[in-house]
Amino acid sequence: MVRYGVSFGEFRDLAKQVYVEVAEKDFRIARRKQTISRIAMLTGIQRKEVSRLLDGASDATDPLDATYNRGVRVTSGWHRDAEFLNENGKPNALPFDGEVGSFTALVKRYSGDLTARAVLDELERVGSLQRDEHDLVHLVSTSGYVPSSDKEAQFNILGLSVSDLLTTLDHNLEHEETRLQLTTAYDNLPLRAVEEFRLLSSQQSRVLLQYLDEWLAEHDRDTNPDPADEQGRYRAGVGIYYIEEQIEDEK
């Protein structure tokens, strides 16, 4: 936050807002309305300030979250769906219009009710795709939806990734039935081994994630609707992250 100019005062204000929102939403007493006095007691924030923060809170879905989720769907489908791949199994350059094998067909299949033009403009804005002189659409990033030119979107992905990891850690602290939480790391490696492992871990992780992505896509109700399936709505997935740091004290 220091690197990107977020002052302590701004962080403090954000933290206050989050404390109040979490206390109001997640720490209610059963069958009783949550009160400003109880939120103040839980958070240590004065009642007047709690009231002000609640008045400014919004239950609306963050539009950045929606954009990120739609961007992931489109670029992920582009990576795996044979209709949009070339002879080498790589994402093909797509014409914008067309019933089959076009960017419009891709968006219609994987982005629900958003228009192809809206998705194109957004993915182009964040640097995930580009158009050539023949107006063919190219996927720029081999990693899928990576908004390389949009700092706000990058921060949104950072927040979502950290939230997912902390949610799993918190669940495992509070429940006997734990969720997947595995790490492997060694602390006395030479640079040569680190460089090899960086490549190896990236290759193997992509293989696993592509397999899991294909499985999830087959069961996702946006692309495979089943009117008879009324078992609730869940979000599930697996996140993989790479670890590397230089240890200064070699002793």
Protein backbone atom coordinates (compact mmCIF):
# COMPACT_ATOMS: atom_id res chain seq x y z
CA MET A 1 0.00 0.00 0.00
CA VAL A 2 2.93 2.34 0.68
CA ARG A 3 4.25 1.54 -2.81
CA TYR A 4 0.99 2.63 -4.43
CA GLY A 5 0.38 5.70 -2.32
CA VAL A 6 -2.33 4.39 0.01
CA SER A 7 -1.94 6.48 3.16
CA PHE A 8 -2.46 5.17 6.69
CA GLY A 9 -5.56 7.37 6.97
CA GLU A 10 -7.09 5.77 3.88
CA PHE A 11 -6.27 2.29 5.18
CA ARG A 12 -7.80 3.15 8.56
CA ASP A 13 -11.02 4.33 6.91
CA LEU A 14 -11.23 1.19 4.78
CA ALA A 15 -10.58 -1.01 7.81
CA LYS A 16 -13.36 0.72 9.76
CA GLN A 17 -15.78 0.15 6.90
CA VAL A 18 -14.91 -3.54 6.65
CA TYR A 19 -15.13 -4.08 10.43
CA VAL A 20 -18.62 -2.58 10.50
CA GLU A 21 -19.83 -4.50 7.43
CA VAL A 22 -18.54 -7.84 8.75
CA ALA A 23 -19.96 -7.26 12.24
CA GLU A 24 -23.34 -6.31 10.75
CA LYS A 25 -23.49 -9.25 8.35
CA ASP A 26 -21.70 -12.16 10.07
CA PHE A 27 -22.15 -11.62 13.81
CA ARG A 28 -25.88 -11.27 14.24
CA ILE A 29 -27.74 -12.96 17.08
CA ALA A 30 -30.24 -15.51 15.80
CA ARG A 31 -33.76 -14.13 15.27
CA ARG A 32 -32.73 -10.66 16.44
CA LYS A 33 -32.05 -7.53 14.43
CA GLN A 34 -28.46 -6.38 14.49
CA THR A 35 -28.15 -3.06 16.34
CA ILE A 36 -25.72 -0.17 16.10
CA SER A 37 -24.89 -0.61 19.79
CA ARG A 38 -23.93 -4.26 19.29
CA ILE A 39 -21.78 -3.42 16.24
CA ALA A 40 -20.06 -0.70 18.26
CA MET A 41 -19.38 -3.19 21.07
CA LEU A 42 -18.00 -5.82 18.66
CA THR A 43 -15.76 -3.44 16.73
CA GLY A 44 -14.76 -0.83 19.28
CA ILE A 45 -15.96 1.90 16.92
CA GLN A 46 -18.19 4.66 18.32
CA ARG A 47 -21.94 4.38 17.68
CA LYS A 48 -22.06 7.65 15.72
CA GLU A 49 -19.29 6.44 13.42
CA VAL A 50 -20.97 3.03 13.01
CA SER A 51 -24.20 4.75 11.98
CA ARG A 52 -22.34 6.89 9.43
CA LEU A 53 -20.54 3.90 7.94
CA LEU A 54 -23.74 1.86 7.69
CA ASP A 55 -25.47 4.72 5.89
CA GLY A 56 -22.65 4.75 3.33
CA ALA A 57 -22.51 0.98 2.84
CA SER A 58 -23.97 -0.68 -0.24
CA ASP A 59 -25.17 -4.24 -0.71
CA ALA A 60 -24.65 -4.01 -4.47
CA THR A 61 -22.29 -6.47 -6.09
CA ASP A 62 -18.93 -4.94 -6.92
CA PRO A 63 -18.96 -4.39 -10.70
CA LEU A 64 -15.25 -5.25 -10.76
CA ASP A 65 -16.06 -8.73 -9.43
CA ALA A 66 -18.63 -9.26 -12.16
CA THR A 67 -16.21 -8.05 -14.82
CA TYR A 68 -13.46 -10.31 -13.54
CA ASN A 69 -15.71 -13.37 -13.47
CA ARG A 70 -16.97 -12.76 -17.00
CA GLY A 71 -13.43 -12.12 -18.26
CA VAL A 72 -12.23 -15.39 -16.73
CA ARG A 73 -15.10 -17.31 -18.34
CA VAL A 74 -14.44 -15.97 -21.82
CA THR A 75 -10.65 -16.37 -21.81
CA SER A 76 -10.86 -19.78 -20.17
CA GLY A 77 -13.30 -21.00 -22.81
CA TRP A 78 -11.01 -19.59 -25.48
CA HIS A 79 -8.16 -21.71 -24.10
CA ARG A 80 -10.01 -25.03 -23.95
CA ASP A 81 -12.90 -25.10 -26.42
CA ALA A 82 -11.85 -26.85 -29.65
CA GLU A 83 -14.06 -24.54 -31.72
CA PHE A 84 -11.81 -21.60 -30.84
CA LEU A 85 -8.40 -23.33 -31.05
CA ASN A 86 -5.98 -23.61 -33.97
CA GLU A 87 -4.37 -26.79 -35.30
CA ASN A 88 -1.72 -26.59 -32.54
CA GLY A 89 -4.32 -26.47 -29.77
CA LYS A 90 -3.65 -22.78 -29.06
CA PRO A 91 -6.26 -19.98 -28.87
CA ASN A 92 -7.06 -19.00 -32.43
CA ALA A 93 -7.32 -15.47 -33.83
CA LEU A 94 -11.07 -14.95 -34.16
CA PRO A 95 -13.21 -12.86 -36.48
CA PHE A 96 -15.57 -10.68 -34.49
CA ASP A 97 -18.81 -11.82 -36.17
CA GLY A 98 -20.02 -15.25 -37.16
CA GLU A 99 -22.20 -18.10 -35.93
CA VAL A 100 -19.26 -20.50 -35.45
CA GLY A 101 -15.65 -19.94 -34.39
CA SER A 102 -16.03 -16.18 -33.87
CA PHE A 103 -15.52 -13.88 -30.91
CA THR A 104 -19.27 -13.27 -30.85
CA ALA A 105 -19.91 -17.03 -30.64
CA LEU A 106 -17.31 -17.33 -27.86
CA VAL A 107 -18.94 -14.59 -25.77
CA LYS A 108 -22.43 -15.98 -26.34
CA ARG A 109 -21.30 -19.38 -25.08
CA TYR A 110 -19.31 -18.27 -22.03
CA SER A 111 -20.46 -14.83 -20.92
CA GLY A 112 -24.18 -15.14 -20.39
CA ASP A 113 -26.12 -12.00 -21.28
CA LEU A 114 -23.23 -9.60 -21.98
CA THR A 115 -22.84 -8.39 -25.54
CA ALA A 116 -19.76 -9.32 -27.56
CA ARG A 117 -18.94 -5.64 -28.07
CA ALA A 118 -18.98 -4.91 -24.33
CA VAL A 119 -16.71 -7.88 -23.58
CA LEU A 120 -14.37 -6.95 -26.45
CA ASP A 121 -14.05 -3.36 -25.26
CA GLU A 122 -13.35 -4.42 -21.66
CA LEU A 123 -10.80 -7.13 -22.48
CA GLU A 124 -9.10 -4.80 -24.94
CA ARG A 125 -9.03 -2.01 -22.35
CA VAL A 126 -7.25 -4.16 -19.75
CA GLY A 127 -4.79 -5.54 -22.31
CA SER A 128 -6.03 -9.15 -22.43
CA LEU A 129 -6.66 -9.08 -26.19
CA GLN A 130 -5.92 -7.02 -29.25
CA ARG A 131 -7.13 -6.68 -32.84
CA ASP A 132 -4.90 -6.79 -35.90
CA GLU A 133 -5.12 -4.94 -39.23
CA HIS A 134 -7.54 -7.59 -40.53
CA ASP A 135 -9.83 -7.01 -37.52
CA LEU A 136 -9.09 -10.46 -36.12
CA VAL A 137 -9.20 -10.70 -32.32
CA HIS A 138 -6.10 -12.18 -30.62
CA LEU A 139 -5.80 -13.37 -27.02
CA VAL A 140 -2.65 -11.66 -25.74
CA SER A 141 -2.08 -13.44 -22.42
CA THR A 142 -1.42 -17.18 -22.33
CA SER A 143 -2.59 -17.15 -18.70
CA GLY A 144 -6.15 -16.12 -19.50
CA TYR A 145 -7.70 -13.00 -18.00
CA VAL A 146 -4.73 -10.90 -16.86
CA PRO A 147 -5.54 -7.15 -16.88
CA SER A 148 -1.95 -6.03 -17.39
CA SER A 149 -2.84 -2.42 -18.17
CA ASP A 150 -5.52 -1.83 -15.53
CA LYS A 151 -4.16 -1.29 -12.03
CA GLU A 152 -7.61 -1.15 -10.44
CA ALA A 153 -8.52 -4.53 -11.92
CA GLN A 154 -5.18 -5.95 -10.76
CA PHE A 155 -5.89 -4.82 -7.21
CA ASN A 156 -9.33 -6.38 -7.43
CA ILE A 157 -7.81 -9.73 -8.41
CA LEU A 158 -5.26 -9.38 -5.59
CA GLY A 159 -8.05 -8.81 -3.10
CA LEU A 160 -10.10 -11.73 -4.40
CA SER A 161 -7.11 -14.10 -4.29
CA VAL A 162 -6.16 -13.10 -0.74
CA SER A 163 -9.79 -13.39 0.33
CA ASP A 164 -10.05 -16.92 -1.10
CA LEU A 165 -6.89 -18.06 0.70
CA LEU A 166 -7.87 -16.49 4.04
CA THR A 167 -11.38 -17.96 3.79
CA THR A 168 -9.89 -21.46 3.45
CA LEU A 169 -7.45 -20.87 6.32
CA ASP A 170 -10.26 -19.55 8.52
CA HIS A 171 -12.49 -22.51 7.65
CA ASN A 172 -9.74 -24.95 8.62
CA LEU A 173 -9.30 -23.21 11.97
CA GLU A 174 -13.00 -23.44 12.77
CA HIS A 175 -14.07 -26.84 11.35
CA GLU A 176 -13.02 -30.45 11.79
CA GLU A 177 -13.72 -31.19 8.11
CA THR A 178 -10.96 -29.18 6.48
CA ARG A 179 -10.53 -27.93 2.94
CA LEU A 180 -7.52 -28.46 0.70
CA GLN A 181 -4.56 -26.48 2.07
CA LEU A 182 -1.19 -27.85 0.91
CA THR A 183 2.22 -26.22 0.51
CA THR A 184 5.69 -27.46 -0.37
CA ALA A 185 8.77 -25.25 -0.04
CA TYR A 186 12.50 -25.69 0.76
CA ASP A 187 14.76 -22.99 2.15
CA ASN A 188 18.30 -23.94 1.05
CA LEU A 189 18.14 -24.07 -2.73
CA PRO A 190 20.71 -22.75 -5.24
CA LEU A 191 19.61 -20.23 -7.86
CA ARG A 192 19.89 -22.86 -10.63
CA ALA A 193 17.36 -25.12 -8.90
CA VAL A 194 15.03 -22.19 -8.24
CA GLU A 195 15.02 -21.22 -11.92
CA GLU A 196 14.28 -24.81 -12.97
CA PHE A 197 11.56 -25.18 -10.35
CA ARG A 198 9.95 -21.90 -11.39
CA LEU A 199 9.46 -23.31 -14.90
CA LEU A 200 8.52 -26.82 -13.75
CA SER A 201 5.92 -25.62 -11.24
CA SER A 202 4.37 -23.29 -13.83
CA GLN A 203 4.08 -26.06 -16.43
CA GLN A 204 2.66 -28.68 -14.09
CA SER A 205 0.26 -26.26 -12.41
CA ARG A 206 -1.17 -25.17 -15.75
CA VAL A 207 -1.83 -28.80 -16.69
CA LEU A 208 -3.69 -29.41 -13.44
CA LEU A 209 -5.67 -26.18 -13.57
CA GLN A 210 -6.69 -26.77 -17.17
CA TYR A 211 -8.02 -30.22 -16.23
CA LEU A 212 -9.94 -28.82 -13.24
CA ASP A 213 -11.22 -25.91 -15.33
CA GLU A 214 -12.65 -28.29 -17.92
CA TRP A 215 -14.38 -30.32 -15.20
CA LEU A 216 -15.90 -27.23 -13.58
CA ALA A 217 -17.04 -25.87 -16.95
CA GLU A 218 -18.98 -29.08 -17.58
CA HIS A 219 -20.91 -28.56 -14.33
CA ASP A 220 -21.33 -24.78 -14.48
CA ARG A 221 -25.02 -23.89 -14.86
CA ASP A 222 -24.36 -20.73 -16.89
CA THR A 223 -23.03 -22.82 -19.78
CA ASN A 224 -24.90 -26.05 -18.95
CA PRO A 225 -28.26 -25.01 -17.49
CA ASP A 226 -30.38 -27.66 -15.78
CA PRO A 227 -33.83 -26.33 -14.77
CA ALA A 228 -34.38 -29.36 -12.53
CA ASP A 229 -31.25 -28.65 -10.48
CA GLU A 230 -32.31 -26.60 -7.46
CA GLN A 231 -29.51 -27.49 -5.03
CA GLY A 232 -28.44 -23.93 -4.31
CA ARG A 233 -25.63 -21.87 -5.77
CA TYR A 234 -21.99 -22.37 -4.79
CA ARG A 235 -18.59 -21.05 -5.82
CA ALA A 236 -15.73 -23.58 -5.76
CA GLY A 237 -12.26 -23.80 -7.25
CA VAL A 238 -8.57 -24.27 -6.59
CA GLY A 239 -5.90 -21.55 -6.48
CA ILE A 240 -2.17 -22.20 -6.93
CA TYR A 241 0.52 -19.67 -6.07
CA TYR A 242 4.30 -19.71 -6.42
CA ILE A 243 6.71 -19.03 -3.52
CA GLU A 244 10.18 -17.51 -3.91
CA GLU A 245 12.35 -15.35 -1.69
CA GLN A 246 16.05 -14.79 -1.22
CA ILE A 247 17.37 -15.51 2.24
CA GLU A 248 19.91 -12.83 3.10
CA ASP A 249 21.67 -14.61 5.97
CA GLU A 250 23.24 -17.60 4.22
CA LYS A 251 24.58 -18.90 7.54
